[in-house]
């Protein structure tokens, strides 16, 4: 019974987030800081769950990992969020108004229809971007640092090279007509799903949840250090449905995660990683 209740934690968290935004007062929805509060509270909640319901001892959080993860969360909400709004969402909103693009049928739809529509559309783009990162070397060099992490924890989804973090944030949801509370519900619930999918929490959600949404089992296999082929599957960050649709879903999980020799990269190494071929070539030339 205890494990059954633990398994229900991810869907219960998503349901709580949806309920919060569905019934939140308009003043809260309009407050620009509320979406950040909900997002950070969810991350903190899942991080605390790791201390109580640990999945793998080898993934146990330590001070160095925690400090790095906190840095990346701050970087994601601050720098990446700012760049996404300034360079993508803002221009798309202007384009939407200039071209008269509209989806009034979506804004008139029930709350959960709007939430799921936004999640599915955004994750559709993320799926193909993520898949491209595993199949084209220039993109892989930006994504590889994320696969060099040697343990999974609640905030690990934020860890990576800045170029990859920006690219994976891109989407066209700014072109949609959708109620603000539904938009925020989709963003924060997708974040909660991705947080659980990276977390060291021994929760295995019900089959109906795992059919649509990504779980730690799906995503740990994607991060496995035991088989290169097994990393080329389960690309969904929060929605695993697109993997099922496009044939890249694979069942299984892995407790051993990492890349190459499983060397943990420093933040500096993660940020310089795309330049690695050039740096190694220059180093070899200097040795000669």
C-alpha atoms as a PDB file:
ATOM      1  CA  UNK A   1       0.000   0.000   0.000  1.00  0.00           C
ATOM      2  CA  UNK A   2       2.863   2.382   0.841  1.00  0.00           C
ATOM      3  CA  UNK A   3       4.540   1.796  -2.525  1.00  0.00           C
ATOM      4  CA  UNK A   4       1.208   2.234  -4.288  1.00  0.00           C
ATOM      5  CA  UNK A   5       0.819   5.644  -2.699  1.00  0.00           C
ATOM      6  CA  UNK A   6       4.403   6.555  -3.651  1.00  0.00           C
ATOM      7  CA  UNK A   7       3.650   5.541  -7.241  1.00  0.00           C
ATOM      8  CA  UNK A   8       0.746   7.975  -7.275  1.00  0.00           C
ATOM      9  CA  UNK A   9       2.924  10.953  -6.323  1.00  0.00           C
ATOM     10  CA  UNK A  10       3.707  12.094  -9.921  1.00  0.00           C
ATOM     11  CA  UNK A  11       0.073  12.033 -11.168  1.00  0.00           C
ATOM     12  CA  UNK A  12      -1.134  13.544  -7.889  1.00  0.00           C
ATOM     13  CA  UNK A  13       1.371  16.393  -8.234  1.00  0.00           C
ATOM     14  CA  UNK A  14       0.282  17.081 -11.813  1.00  0.00           C
ATOM     15  CA  UNK A  15      -3.370  17.008 -10.772  1.00  0.00           C
ATOM     16  CA  UNK A  16      -2.671  19.414  -7.907  1.00  0.00           C
ATOM     17  CA  UNK A  17      -0.943  21.842 -10.281  1.00  0.00           C
ATOM     18  CA  UNK A  18      -3.831  21.685 -12.738  1.00  0.00           C
ATOM     19  CA  UNK A  19      -6.327  22.255  -9.929  1.00  0.00           C
ATOM     20  CA  UNK A  20      -4.326  25.185  -8.584  1.00  0.00           C
ATOM     21  CA  UNK A  21      -4.329  27.030 -11.906  1.00  0.00           C
ATOM     22  CA  UNK A  22      -7.934  26.091 -12.683  1.00  0.00           C
ATOM     23  CA  UNK A  23      -9.219  27.700  -9.489  1.00  0.00           C
ATOM     24  CA  UNK A  24      -6.529  30.307  -8.767  1.00  0.00           C
ATOM     25  CA  UNK A  25      -7.799  33.892  -8.333  1.00  0.00           C
ATOM     26  CA  UNK A  26      -7.272  36.128 -11.358  1.00  0.00           C
ATOM     27  CA  UNK A  27      -4.859  38.301  -9.350  1.00  0.00           C
ATOM     28  CA  UNK A  28      -2.592  35.294  -8.822  1.00  0.00           C
ATOM     29  CA  UNK A  29      -2.707  34.272 -12.473  1.00  0.00           C
ATOM     30  CA  UNK A  30      -1.875  37.806 -13.603  1.00  0.00           C
ATOM     31  CA  UNK A  31       1.046  38.096 -11.164  1.00  0.00           C
ATOM     32  CA  UNK A  32       4.258  37.511 -13.200  1.00  0.00           C
ATOM     33  CA  UNK A  33       5.990  35.881 -10.241  1.00  0.00           C
ATOM     34  CA  UNK A  34       3.375  33.183  -9.549  1.00  0.00           C
ATOM     35  CA  UNK A  35       4.480  30.827 -12.319  1.00  0.00           C
ATOM     36  CA  UNK A  36       8.018  30.993 -10.912  1.00  0.00           C
ATOM     37  CA  UNK A  37       6.770  30.297  -7.381  1.00  0.00           C
ATOM     38  CA  UNK A  38       4.812  27.233  -8.538  1.00  0.00           C
ATOM     39  CA  UNK A  39       7.732  25.950 -10.588  1.00  0.00           C
ATOM     40  CA  UNK A  40      10.296  26.356  -7.803  1.00  0.00           C
ATOM     41  CA  UNK A  41       7.938  24.934  -5.163  1.00  0.00           C
ATOM     42  CA  UNK A  42       7.431  21.833  -7.315  1.00  0.00           C
ATOM     43  CA  UNK A  43      11.177  21.351  -7.757  1.00  0.00           C
ATOM     44  CA  UNK A  44      11.760  21.766  -4.004  1.00  0.00           C
ATOM     45  CA  UNK A  45       8.979  19.278  -3.242  1.00  0.00           C
ATOM     46  CA  UNK A  46      10.406  16.595  -5.550  1.00  0.00           C
ATOM     47  CA  UNK A  47      13.938  17.225  -4.282  1.00  0.00           C
ATOM     48  CA  UNK A  48      12.712  16.615  -0.724  1.00  0.00           C
ATOM     49  CA  UNK A  49      11.002  13.418  -1.862  1.00  0.00           C
ATOM     50  CA  UNK A  50      14.435  12.115  -2.893  1.00  0.00           C
ATOM     51  CA  UNK A  51      15.493  12.242   0.748  1.00  0.00           C
ATOM     52  CA  UNK A  52      12.499  10.169   1.859  1.00  0.00           C
ATOM     53  CA  UNK A  53      11.850   7.775  -1.045  1.00  0.00           C
ATOM     54  CA  UNK A  54      15.281   7.204  -2.580  1.00  0.00           C
ATOM     55  CA  UNK A  55      15.390   5.093  -5.748  1.00  0.00           C
ATOM     56  CA  UNK A  56      19.129   4.432  -6.102  1.00  0.00           C
ATOM     57  CA  UNK A  57      21.787   4.988  -3.446  1.00  0.00           C
ATOM     58  CA  UNK A  58      24.288   5.837  -6.185  1.00  0.00           C
ATOM     59  CA  UNK A  59      22.187   8.862  -7.172  1.00  0.00           C
ATOM     60  CA  UNK A  60      22.051  10.270  -3.652  1.00  0.00           C
ATOM     61  CA  UNK A  61      22.406  14.059  -3.787  1.00  0.00           C
ATOM     62  CA  UNK A  62      25.509  15.665  -2.263  1.00  0.00           C
ATOM     63  CA  UNK A  63      26.583  19.251  -1.712  1.00  0.00           C
ATOM     64  CA  UNK A  64      28.507  19.566  -4.969  1.00  0.00           C
ATOM     65  CA  UNK A  65      25.652  18.161  -7.047  1.00  0.00           C
ATOM     66  CA  UNK A  66      23.114  20.285  -5.203  1.00  0.00           C
ATOM     67  CA  UNK A  67      25.123  23.487  -5.691  1.00  0.00           C
ATOM     68  CA  UNK A  68      25.554  22.785  -9.412  1.00  0.00           C
ATOM     69  CA  UNK A  69      21.874  21.963  -9.846  1.00  0.00           C
ATOM     70  CA  UNK A  70      20.766  25.140  -8.036  1.00  0.00           C
ATOM     71  CA  UNK A  71      23.063  27.195 -10.268  1.00  0.00           C
ATOM     72  CA  UNK A  72      21.452  25.722 -13.380  1.00  0.00           C
ATOM     73  CA  UNK A  73      17.913  26.231 -12.102  1.00  0.00           C
ATOM     74  CA  UNK A  74      18.703  29.910 -11.478  1.00  0.00           C
ATOM     75  CA  UNK A  75      20.358  30.125 -14.914  1.00  0.00           C
ATOM     76  CA  UNK A  76      17.355  28.456 -16.559  1.00  0.00           C
ATOM     77  CA  UNK A  77      14.720  30.658 -14.959  1.00  0.00           C
ATOM     78  CA  UNK A  78      16.823  33.792 -15.330  1.00  0.00           C
ATOM     79  CA  UNK A  79      19.028  33.812 -18.416  1.00  0.00           C
ATOM     80  CA  UNK A  80      17.397  31.115 -20.582  1.00  0.00           C
ATOM     81  CA  UNK A  81      13.908  32.315 -19.691  1.00  0.00           C
ATOM     82  CA  UNK A  82      14.835  35.912 -20.537  1.00  0.00           C
ATOM     83  CA  UNK A  83      16.445  34.971 -23.858  1.00  0.00           C
ATOM     84  CA  UNK A  84      13.498  32.774 -24.840  1.00  0.00           C
ATOM     85  CA  UNK A  85      11.029  35.579 -24.179  1.00  0.00           C
ATOM     86  CA  UNK A  86      13.130  38.243 -25.873  1.00  0.00           C
ATOM     87  CA  UNK A  87      14.291  36.302 -28.939  1.00  0.00           C
ATOM     88  CA  UNK A  88      11.415  33.878 -29.533  1.00  0.00           C
ATOM     89  CA  UNK A  89       8.160  34.425 -27.643  1.00  0.00           C
ATOM     90  CA  UNK A  90       8.145  38.206 -28.050  1.00  0.00           C
ATOM     91  CA  UNK A  91       8.761  38.172 -31.819  1.00  0.00           C
ATOM     92  CA  UNK A  92       6.244  35.339 -32.292  1.00  0.00           C
ATOM     93  CA  UNK A  93       3.605  37.320 -30.408  1.00  0.00           C
ATOM     94  CA  UNK A  94       4.269  40.332 -32.643  1.00  0.00           C
ATOM     95  CA  UNK A  95       4.094  38.094 -35.723  1.00  0.00           C
ATOM     96  CA  UNK A  96       0.816  36.616 -34.521  1.00  0.00           C
ATOM     97  CA  UNK A  97      -0.716  40.082 -34.225  1.00  0.00           C
ATOM     98  CA  UNK A  98       0.733  41.324 -37.529  1.00  0.00           C
ATOM     99  CA  UNK A  99      -0.475  38.313 -39.519  1.00  0.00           C
ATOM    100  CA  UNK A 100      -3.765  37.973 -37.678  1.00  0.00           C
ATOM    101  CA  UNK A 101      -3.046  34.394 -36.595  1.00  0.00           C
ATOM    102  CA  UNK A 102      -5.695  33.108 -34.236  1.00  0.00           C
ATOM    103  CA  UNK A 103      -6.989  29.952 -32.594  1.00  0.00           C
ATOM    104  CA  UNK A 104     -10.161  31.229 -30.912  1.00  0.00           C
ATOM    105  CA  UNK A 105     -11.568  27.676 -30.867  1.00  0.00           C
ATOM    106  CA  UNK A 106      -8.756  26.714 -28.482  1.00  0.00           C
ATOM    107  CA  UNK A 107      -9.384  29.635 -26.133  1.00  0.00           C
ATOM    108  CA  UNK A 108     -13.057  28.607 -26.027  1.00  0.00           C
ATOM    109  CA  UNK A 109     -12.199  24.979 -25.225  1.00  0.00           C
ATOM    110  CA  UNK A 110     -12.376  23.460 -21.734  1.00  0.00           C
ATOM    111  CA  UNK A 111      -9.454  24.157 -19.417  1.00  0.00           C
ATOM    112  CA  UNK A 112      -7.880  20.680 -19.630  1.00  0.00           C
ATOM    113  CA  UNK A 113      -8.201  20.634 -23.431  1.00  0.00           C
ATOM    114  CA  UNK A 114      -6.186  23.851 -23.589  1.00  0.00           C
ATOM    115  CA  UNK A 115      -3.603  22.506 -21.141  1.00  0.00           C
ATOM    116  CA  UNK A 116      -3.071  19.244 -23.011  1.00  0.00           C
ATOM    117  CA  UNK A 117      -3.048  20.963 -26.420  1.00  0.00           C
ATOM    118  CA  UNK A 118      -0.252  23.296 -25.335  1.00  0.00           C
ATOM    119  CA  UNK A 119       1.732  20.467 -23.739  1.00  0.00           C
ATOM    120  CA  UNK A 120       1.418  18.213 -26.783  1.00  0.00           C
ATOM    121  CA  UNK A 121       2.340  20.954 -29.251  1.00  0.00           C
ATOM    122  CA  UNK A 122       5.341  22.183 -27.262  1.00  0.00           C
ATOM    123  CA  UNK A 123       6.575  18.647 -26.613  1.00  0.00           C
ATOM    124  CA  UNK A 124       6.164  17.803 -30.309  1.00  0.00           C
ATOM    125  CA  UNK A 125       8.812  20.419 -31.071  1.00  0.00           C
ATOM    126  CA  UNK A 126      10.984  19.329 -28.151  1.00  0.00           C
ATOM    127  CA  UNK A 127      10.805  15.710 -29.301  1.00  0.00           C
ATOM    128  CA  UNK A 128      12.160  16.512 -32.759  1.00  0.00           C
ATOM    129  CA  UNK A 129      14.771  18.930 -31.433  1.00  0.00           C
ATOM    130  CA  UNK A 130      15.969  16.335 -28.912  1.00  0.00           C
ATOM    131  CA  UNK A 131      16.008  13.610 -31.548  1.00  0.00           C
ATOM    132  CA  UNK A 132      17.997  15.853 -33.899  1.00  0.00           C
ATOM    133  CA  UNK A 133      20.508  16.450 -31.116  1.00  0.00           C
ATOM    134  CA  UNK A 134      21.228  12.724 -31.079  1.00  0.00           C
ATOM    135  CA  UNK A 135      21.583  12.467 -34.854  1.00  0.00           C
ATOM    136  CA  UNK A 136      23.527  15.544 -35.996  1.00  0.00           C
ATOM    137  CA  UNK A 137      27.032  16.118 -34.615  1.00  0.00           C
ATOM    138  CA  UNK A 138      26.906  19.940 -34.208  1.00  0.00           C
ATOM    139  CA  UNK A 139      23.721  19.637 -32.146  1.00  0.00           C
ATOM    140  CA  UNK A 140      25.028  16.585 -30.295  1.00  0.00           C
ATOM    141  CA  UNK A 141      28.044  18.572 -29.105  1.00  0.00           C
ATOM    142  CA  UNK A 142      25.665  20.974 -27.363  1.00  0.00           C
ATOM    143  CA  UNK A 143      23.551  18.150 -25.901  1.00  0.00           C
ATOM    144  CA  UNK A 144      26.301  15.719 -24.871  1.00  0.00           C
ATOM    145  CA  UNK A 145      27.086  17.542 -21.573  1.00  0.00           C
ATOM    146  CA  UNK A 146      23.584  16.683 -20.358  1.00  0.00           C
ATOM    147  CA  UNK A 147      24.396  13.007 -20.951  1.00  0.00           C
ATOM    148  CA  UNK A 148      27.639  13.304 -19.013  1.00  0.00           C
ATOM    149  CA  UNK A 149      25.727  13.668 -15.755  1.00  0.00           C
ATOM    150  CA  UNK A 150      26.445  10.579 -13.680  1.00  0.00           C
ATOM    151  CA  UNK A 151      23.335  10.597 -11.493  1.00  0.00           C
ATOM    152  CA  UNK A 152      19.748  11.695 -11.875  1.00  0.00           C
ATOM    153  CA  UNK A 153      18.174  14.166  -9.463  1.00  0.00           C
ATOM    154  CA  UNK A 154      15.180  16.491  -9.434  1.00  0.00           C
ATOM    155  CA  UNK A 155      16.988  19.473 -10.958  1.00  0.00           C
ATOM    156  CA  UNK A 156      19.129  17.585 -13.495  1.00  0.00           C
ATOM    157  CA  UNK A 157      16.808  18.514 -16.356  1.00  0.00           C
ATOM    158  CA  UNK A 158      18.208  22.050 -16.115  1.00  0.00           C
ATOM    159  CA  UNK A 159      21.841  20.902 -16.442  1.00  0.00           C
ATOM    160  CA  UNK A 160      23.596  21.236 -19.788  1.00  0.00           C
ATOM    161  CA  UNK A 161      25.362  23.488 -22.243  1.00  0.00           C
ATOM    162  CA  UNK A 162      23.714  26.950 -22.583  1.00  0.00           C
ATOM    163  CA  UNK A 163      23.236  26.540 -26.341  1.00  0.00           C
ATOM    164  CA  UNK A 164      21.309  23.298 -25.835  1.00  0.00           C
ATOM    165  CA  UNK A 165      19.279  24.764 -22.977  1.00  0.00           C
ATOM    166  CA  UNK A 166      18.197  27.626 -25.232  1.00  0.00           C
ATOM    167  CA  UNK A 167      17.419  25.405 -28.223  1.00  0.00           C
ATOM    168  CA  UNK A 168      15.364  22.976 -26.164  1.00  0.00           C
ATOM    169  CA  UNK A 169      13.308  25.890 -24.808  1.00  0.00           C
ATOM    170  CA  UNK A 170      12.102  26.938 -28.264  1.00  0.00           C
ATOM    171  CA  UNK A 171       8.451  26.532 -29.172  1.00  0.00           C
ATOM    172  CA  UNK A 172       5.591  28.134 -31.074  1.00  0.00           C
ATOM    173  CA  UNK A 173       2.976  28.211 -28.307  1.00  0.00           C
ATOM    174  CA  UNK A 174       3.106  32.027 -28.398  1.00  0.00           C
ATOM    175  CA  UNK A 175       1.104  31.736 -31.625  1.00  0.00           C
ATOM    176  CA  UNK A 176      -1.816  30.115 -29.803  1.00  0.00           C
ATOM    177  CA  UNK A 177      -4.856  31.779 -28.302  1.00  0.00           C
ATOM    178  CA  UNK A 178      -5.048  30.178 -24.896  1.00  0.00           C
ATOM    179  CA  UNK A 179      -6.173  31.347 -21.473  1.00  0.00           C
ATOM    180  CA  UNK A 180      -3.318  32.436 -19.237  1.00  0.00           C
ATOM    181  CA  UNK A 181      -4.190  30.016 -16.451  1.00  0.00           C
ATOM    182  CA  UNK A 182      -4.203  27.096 -18.922  1.00  0.00           C
ATOM    183  CA  UNK A 183      -0.875  28.239 -20.384  1.00  0.00           C
ATOM    184  CA  UNK A 184       0.721  28.407 -16.940  1.00  0.00           C
ATOM    185  CA  UNK A 185      -0.812  25.056 -15.987  1.00  0.00           C
ATOM    186  CA  UNK A 186       0.712  23.411 -19.057  1.00  0.00           C
ATOM    187  CA  UNK A 187       4.151  24.921 -18.433  1.00  0.00           C
ATOM    188  CA  UNK A 188       4.342  24.105 -14.723  1.00  0.00           C
ATOM    189  CA  UNK A 189       2.806  20.623 -15.005  1.00  0.00           C
ATOM    190  CA  UNK A 190       5.189  19.726 -17.857  1.00  0.00           C
ATOM    191  CA  UNK A 191       7.986  20.969 -15.618  1.00  0.00           C
ATOM    192  CA  UNK A 192       6.745  18.764 -12.783  1.00  0.00           C
ATOM    193  CA  UNK A 193       6.642  15.705 -15.050  1.00  0.00           C
ATOM    194  CA  UNK A 194      10.184  16.395 -16.291  1.00  0.00           C
ATOM    195  CA  UNK A 195      11.352  16.917 -12.711  1.00  0.00           C
ATOM    196  CA  UNK A 196       9.991  13.522 -11.639  1.00  0.00           C
ATOM    197  CA  UNK A 197      11.503  12.014 -14.814  1.00  0.00           C
ATOM    198  CA  UNK A 198      14.961  13.095 -13.638  1.00  0.00           C
ATOM    199  CA  UNK A 199      14.442  12.511  -9.917  1.00  0.00           C
ATOM    200  CA  UNK A 200      15.886   9.880  -7.602  1.00  0.00           C
ATOM    201  CA  UNK A 201      12.420   8.970  -6.335  1.00  0.00           C
ATOM    202  CA  UNK A 202      11.197   5.373  -6.328  1.00  0.00           C
ATOM    203  CA  UNK A 203       7.845   6.200  -7.867  1.00  0.00           C
ATOM    204  CA  UNK A 204       6.625   4.071 -10.775  1.00  0.00           C
ATOM    205  CA  UNK A 205       3.374   5.753 -11.866  1.00  0.00           C
ATOM    206  CA  UNK A 206       0.353   3.808 -13.150  1.00  0.00           C
ATOM    207  CA  UNK A 207       0.298   2.488 -16.715  1.00  0.00           C
ATOM    208  CA  UNK A 208      -2.192   5.139 -17.873  1.00  0.00           C
ATOM    209  CA  UNK A 209       0.157   7.911 -16.702  1.00  0.00           C
ATOM    210  CA  UNK A 210       3.253   6.297 -18.228  1.00  0.00           C
ATOM    211  CA  UNK A 211       1.508   5.836 -21.563  1.00  0.00           C
ATOM    212  CA  UNK A 212       1.238   9.597 -22.053  1.00  0.00           C
ATOM    213  CA  UNK A 213       3.876  11.126 -19.792  1.00  0.00           C
ATOM    214  CA  UNK A 214       7.593  10.470 -19.312  1.00  0.00           C
ATOM    215  CA  UNK A 215       8.697   8.661 -16.157  1.00  0.00           C
ATOM    216  CA  UNK A 216      12.052   8.064 -14.487  1.00  0.00           C
ATOM    217  CA  UNK A 217      12.061   4.562 -15.960  1.00  0.00           C
ATOM    218  CA  UNK A 218      11.757   5.880 -19.524  1.00  0.00           C
ATOM    219  CA  UNK A 219      14.263   8.630 -19.026  1.00  0.00           C
ATOM    220  CA  UNK A 220      16.868   6.712 -17.048  1.00  0.00           C
ATOM    221  CA  UNK A 221      17.113   4.276 -19.974  1.00  0.00           C
ATOM    222  CA  UNK A 222      17.687   7.247 -22.282  1.00  0.00           C
ATOM    223  CA  UNK A 223      20.595   8.249 -20.008  1.00  0.00           C
ATOM    224  CA  UNK A 224      22.060   4.756 -19.618  1.00  0.00           C
ATOM    225  CA  UNK A 225      25.823   4.304 -19.724  1.00  0.00           C
ATOM    226  CA  UNK A 226      25.510   0.605 -20.524  1.00  0.00           C
ATOM    227  CA  UNK A 227      24.338   0.742 -24.134  1.00  0.00           C
ATOM    228  CA  UNK A 228      24.725   3.394 -26.817  1.00  0.00           C
ATOM    229  CA  UNK A 229      21.666   2.135 -28.710  1.00  0.00           C
ATOM    230  CA  UNK A 230      19.466   2.443 -25.621  1.00  0.00           C
ATOM    231  CA  UNK A 231      20.203   6.176 -25.416  1.00  0.00           C
ATOM    232  CA  UNK A 232      18.609   6.622 -28.843  1.00  0.00           C
ATOM    233  CA  UNK A 233      15.085   6.243 -27.526  1.00  0.00           C
ATOM    234  CA  UNK A 234      12.578   7.868 -25.164  1.00  0.00           C
ATOM    235  CA  UNK A 235      13.313  11.422 -26.301  1.00  0.00           C
ATOM    236  CA  UNK A 236      10.211  12.924 -24.702  1.00  0.00           C
ATOM    237  CA  UNK A 237      11.041  15.382 -21.952  1.00  0.00           C
ATOM    238  CA  UNK A 238       7.618  15.275 -20.342  1.00  0.00           C
ATOM    239  CA  UNK A 239       5.414  13.638 -23.010  1.00  0.00           C
ATOM    240  CA  UNK A 240       6.450  10.103 -23.990  1.00  0.00           C
ATOM    241  CA  UNK A 241       3.489   9.763 -26.358  1.00  0.00           C
ATOM    242  CA  UNK A 242       5.431  11.140 -29.315  1.00  0.00           C
ATOM    243  CA  UNK A 243       8.036   8.381 -28.871  1.00  0.00           C
ATOM    244  CA  UNK A 244       5.240   5.846 -29.089  1.00  0.00           C
ATOM    245  CA  UNK A 245       3.828   7.527 -32.199  1.00  0.00           C
ATOM    246  CA  UNK A 246       7.168   7.808 -34.032  1.00  0.00           C
ATOM    247  CA  UNK A 247       8.629   4.449 -33.000  1.00  0.00           C
ATOM    248  CA  UNK A 248      11.368   5.531 -30.598  1.00  0.00           C
ATOM    249  CA  UNK A 249       9.771   4.281 -27.382  1.00  0.00           C
ATOM    250  CA  UNK A 250      11.649   1.554 -25.539  1.00  0.00           C
ATOM    251  CA  UNK A 251      10.734  -0.187 -22.304  1.00  0.00           C
ATOM    252  CA  UNK A 252      13.285  -0.534 -19.495  1.00  0.00           C
ATOM    253  CA  UNK A 253      15.366   1.518 -17.096  1.00  0.00           C
ATOM    254  CA  UNK A 254      18.967   1.940 -15.995  1.00  0.00           C
ATOM    255  CA  UNK A 255      20.603   2.702 -12.665  1.00  0.00           C
ATOM    256  CA  UNK A 256      23.951   3.401 -14.357  1.00  0.00           C
ATOM    257  CA  UNK A 257      23.868   6.680 -16.246  1.00  0.00           C
ATOM    258  CA  UNK A 258      26.533   8.791 -17.924  1.00  0.00           C
ATOM    259  CA  UNK A 259      28.532   9.131 -21.114  1.00  0.00           C
ATOM    260  CA  UNK A 260      31.818   7.668 -22.377  1.00  0.00           C
ATOM    261  CA  UNK A 261      34.007   7.030 -19.309  1.00  0.00           C
ATOM    262  CA  UNK A 262      31.297   8.439 -16.985  1.00  0.00           C
ATOM    263  CA  UNK A 263      33.503  11.392 -16.080  1.00  0.00           C
ATOM    264  CA  UNK A 264      31.535  14.138 -14.373  1.00  0.00           C
ATOM    265  CA  UNK A 265      32.028  17.441 -16.185  1.00  0.00           C
ATOM    266  CA  UNK A 266      32.492  20.740 -14.402  1.00  0.00           C
ATOM    267  CA  UNK A 267      30.319  23.692 -15.393  1.00  0.00           C
ATOM    268  CA  UNK A 268      33.252  25.113 -17.353  1.00  0.00           C
ATOM    269  CA  UNK A 269      33.723  21.827 -19.212  1.00  0.00           C
ATOM    270  CA  UNK A 270      30.007  21.655 -19.979  1.00  0.00           C
ATOM    271  CA  UNK A 271      30.028  25.147 -21.437  1.00  0.00           C
ATOM    272  CA  UNK A 272      33.155  24.582 -23.532  1.00  0.00           C
ATOM    273  CA  UNK A 273      32.145  21.111 -24.721  1.00  0.00           C
ATOM    274  CA  UNK A 274      30.928  22.171 -28.220  1.00  0.00           C
ATOM    275  CA  UNK A 275      34.426  23.545 -28.820  1.00  0.00           C
ATOM    276  CA  UNK A 276      36.040  20.272 -27.747  1.00  0.00           C
ATOM    277  CA  UNK A 277      36.961  19.004 -31.268  1.00  0.00           C
ATOM    278  CA  UNK A 278      38.626  22.319 -32.081  1.00  0.00           C
ATOM    279  CA  UNK A 279      40.404  22.516 -28.721  1.00  0.00           C
ATOM    280  CA  UNK A 280      41.691  18.944 -29.034  1.00  0.00           C
ATOM    281  CA  UNK A 281      42.857  19.599 -32.602  1.00  0.00           C
ATOM    282  CA  UNK A 282      44.687  22.746 -31.506  1.00  0.00           C
ATOM    283  CA  UNK A 283      46.230  20.914 -28.544  1.00  0.00           C
ATOM    284  CA  UNK A 284      47.499  18.144 -30.856  1.00  0.00           C
ATOM    285  CA  UNK A 285      48.984  20.718 -33.228  1.00  0.00           C
ATOM    286  CA  UNK A 286      50.840  22.421 -30.374  1.00  0.00           C
ATOM    287  CA  UNK A 287      52.282  19.084 -29.200  1.00  0.00           C
ATOM    288  CA  UNK A 288      53.696  18.461 -32.674  1.00  0.00           C
END
